[in-house]
C-alpha atoms as a PDB file:
ATOM      1  CA  UNK A   1     -12.766  -4.942   1.220  1.00  0.00           C
ATOM      2  CA  UNK A   2     -10.317  -4.743  -1.638  1.00  0.00           C
ATOM      3  CA  UNK A   3      -7.772  -7.241  -2.901  1.00  0.00           C
ATOM      4  CA  UNK A   4      -4.302  -5.981  -3.739  1.00  0.00           C
ATOM      5  CA  UNK A   5      -2.483  -8.281  -6.146  1.00  0.00           C
ATOM      6  CA  UNK A   6       1.268  -8.148  -5.490  1.00  0.00           C
ATOM      7  CA  UNK A   7       3.844  -9.589  -7.883  1.00  0.00           C
ATOM      8  CA  UNK A   8       7.388  -8.964  -9.029  1.00  0.00           C
ATOM      9  CA  UNK A   9       5.934  -6.544 -11.604  1.00  0.00           C
ATOM     10  CA  UNK A  10       4.168  -4.308  -9.051  1.00  0.00           C
ATOM     11  CA  UNK A  11       0.824  -3.833  -7.305  1.00  0.00           C
ATOM     12  CA  UNK A  12      -2.658  -3.827  -8.807  1.00  0.00           C
ATOM     13  CA  UNK A  13      -6.098  -3.147  -7.372  1.00  0.00           C
ATOM     14  CA  UNK A  14      -9.552  -3.476  -8.883  1.00  0.00           C
ATOM     15  CA  UNK A  15     -12.609  -2.530  -6.855  1.00  0.00           C
ATOM     16  CA  UNK A  16     -16.231  -1.496  -7.303  1.00  0.00           C
ATOM     17  CA  UNK A  17     -17.855   1.358  -5.445  1.00  0.00           C
ATOM     18  CA  UNK A  18     -20.538   0.464  -2.886  1.00  0.00           C
ATOM     19  CA  UNK A  19     -23.357   1.047  -5.427  1.00  0.00           C
ATOM     20  CA  UNK A  20     -21.591  -1.131  -8.033  1.00  0.00           C
ATOM     21  CA  UNK A  21     -21.644   1.729 -10.540  1.00  0.00           C
ATOM     22  CA  UNK A  22     -17.954   2.583 -10.903  1.00  0.00           C
ATOM     23  CA  UNK A  23     -14.956   0.302 -11.300  1.00  0.00           C
ATOM     24  CA  UNK A  24     -11.632   1.547  -9.989  1.00  0.00           C
ATOM     25  CA  UNK A  25      -8.463   0.056 -11.428  1.00  0.00           C
ATOM     26  CA  UNK A  26      -5.010   1.019 -10.156  1.00  0.00           C
ATOM     27  CA  UNK A  27      -1.679  -0.386 -11.310  1.00  0.00           C
ATOM     28  CA  UNK A  28       1.612   0.647  -9.694  1.00  0.00           C
ATOM     29  CA  UNK A  29       4.521  -0.870 -11.582  1.00  0.00           C
ATOM     30  CA  UNK A  30       7.731  -1.725  -9.747  1.00  0.00           C
ATOM     31  CA  UNK A  31       9.430   1.209 -11.504  1.00  0.00           C
ATOM     32  CA  UNK A  32       7.150   3.607  -9.591  1.00  0.00           C
ATOM     33  CA  UNK A  33       8.913   2.725  -6.325  1.00  0.00           C
ATOM     34  CA  UNK A  34      12.337   3.787  -5.066  1.00  0.00           C
ATOM     35  CA  UNK A  35      12.884   0.208  -3.891  1.00  0.00           C
ATOM     36  CA  UNK A  36      10.586  -2.716  -4.685  1.00  0.00           C
ATOM     37  CA  UNK A  37      10.983  -6.397  -3.847  1.00  0.00           C
ATOM     38  CA  UNK A  38       8.446  -9.193  -4.156  1.00  0.00           C
ATOM     39  CA  UNK A  39       9.715 -12.764  -3.879  1.00  0.00           C
ATOM     40  CA  UNK A  40       6.345 -14.449  -4.349  1.00  0.00           C
ATOM     41  CA  UNK A  41       3.062 -13.316  -5.931  1.00  0.00           C
ATOM     42  CA  UNK A  42       0.261 -12.976  -3.384  1.00  0.00           C
ATOM     43  CA  UNK A  43      -3.085 -11.351  -2.712  1.00  0.00           C
ATOM     44  CA  UNK A  44      -3.622  -8.990   0.216  1.00  0.00           C
ATOM     45  CA  UNK A  45      -7.217  -8.485   1.343  1.00  0.00           C
ATOM     46  CA  UNK A  46      -7.582  -5.070   2.973  1.00  0.00           C
ATOM     47  CA  UNK A  47     -10.412  -2.882   4.184  1.00  0.00           C
ATOM     48  CA  UNK A  48      -9.938   0.254   2.128  1.00  0.00           C
ATOM     49  CA  UNK A  49     -11.422   2.506   4.827  1.00  0.00           C
ATOM     50  CA  UNK A  50      -8.738   1.338   7.280  1.00  0.00           C
ATOM     51  CA  UNK A  51      -5.978   1.847   4.709  1.00  0.00           C
ATOM     52  CA  UNK A  52      -7.266   5.390   4.068  1.00  0.00           C
ATOM     53  CA  UNK A  53      -7.113   6.163   7.820  1.00  0.00           C
ATOM     54  CA  UNK A  54      -3.532   4.886   8.009  1.00  0.00           C
ATOM     55  CA  UNK A  55      -2.406   6.852   4.941  1.00  0.00           C
ATOM     56  CA  UNK A  56      -3.836  10.078   6.411  1.00  0.00           C
ATOM     57  CA  UNK A  57      -1.194   9.801   9.140  1.00  0.00           C
ATOM     58  CA  UNK A  58       1.576  10.451   6.611  1.00  0.00           C
ATOM     59  CA  UNK A  59       3.084  13.857   5.985  1.00  0.00           C
ATOM     60  CA  UNK A  60       3.505  15.202   2.450  1.00  0.00           C
ATOM     61  CA  UNK A  61       7.250  14.511   2.441  1.00  0.00           C
ATOM     62  CA  UNK A  62       7.189  11.173   4.291  1.00  0.00           C
ATOM     63  CA  UNK A  63       8.332   7.970   2.654  1.00  0.00           C
ATOM     64  CA  UNK A  64       6.223   4.849   3.082  1.00  0.00           C
ATOM     65  CA  UNK A  65       7.406   1.259   3.356  1.00  0.00           C
ATOM     66  CA  UNK A  66       4.939  -1.635   3.068  1.00  0.00           C
ATOM     67  CA  UNK A  67       6.048  -5.037   4.298  1.00  0.00           C
ATOM     68  CA  UNK A  68       4.450  -8.453   4.746  1.00  0.00           C
ATOM     69  CA  UNK A  69       5.554 -12.044   5.148  1.00  0.00           C
ATOM     70  CA  UNK A  70       5.355 -14.767   2.455  1.00  0.00           C
ATOM     71  CA  UNK A  71       2.152 -16.056   4.078  1.00  0.00           C
ATOM     72  CA  UNK A  72       0.667 -12.669   5.009  1.00  0.00           C
ATOM     73  CA  UNK A  73      -1.606 -12.312   7.990  1.00  0.00           C
ATOM     74  CA  UNK A  74      -0.758  -8.628   8.379  1.00  0.00           C
ATOM     75  CA  UNK A  75       0.640  -5.724   6.400  1.00  0.00           C
ATOM     76  CA  UNK A  76       3.092  -3.352   8.049  1.00  0.00           C
ATOM     77  CA  UNK A  77       3.081   0.357   7.189  1.00  0.00           C
ATOM     78  CA  UNK A  78       6.227   2.316   8.108  1.00  0.00           C
ATOM     79  CA  UNK A  79       6.381   6.072   7.616  1.00  0.00           C
ATOM     80  CA  UNK A  80       9.705   7.902   7.680  1.00  0.00           C
ATOM     81  CA  UNK A  81      10.117  11.635   7.795  1.00  0.00           C
ATOM     82  CA  UNK A  82      13.061  13.552   6.364  1.00  0.00           C
ATOM     83  CA  UNK A  83      12.321  16.462   8.698  1.00  0.00           C
ATOM     84  CA  UNK A  84      14.538  16.871  11.711  1.00  0.00           C
ATOM     85  CA  UNK A  85      12.479  17.250  14.864  1.00  0.00           C
ATOM     86  CA  UNK A  86      14.168  19.448  17.481  1.00  0.00           C
ATOM     87  CA  UNK A  87      14.815  17.884  20.858  1.00  0.00           C
ATOM     88  CA  UNK A  88      13.416  20.008  23.643  1.00  0.00           C
END
């Protein structure tokens, strides 16, 4: 489980590995995103293994949108591809 702190300034994550040897710290400022909106600071508790499985579904050129409500009980992942898929 990892907590993602979301605020108007961006996203931040701090987590320990399972052996409690290494600390991982990640900060993504709002400038790193094409479009970023956060109306209220909140904490999202996510299982990192599940997030990794979801992110593996994305293609290299896909864009990703994350969305949740003000009182989050779920986080929505939306992938969009720029590739045109031929209709058969």
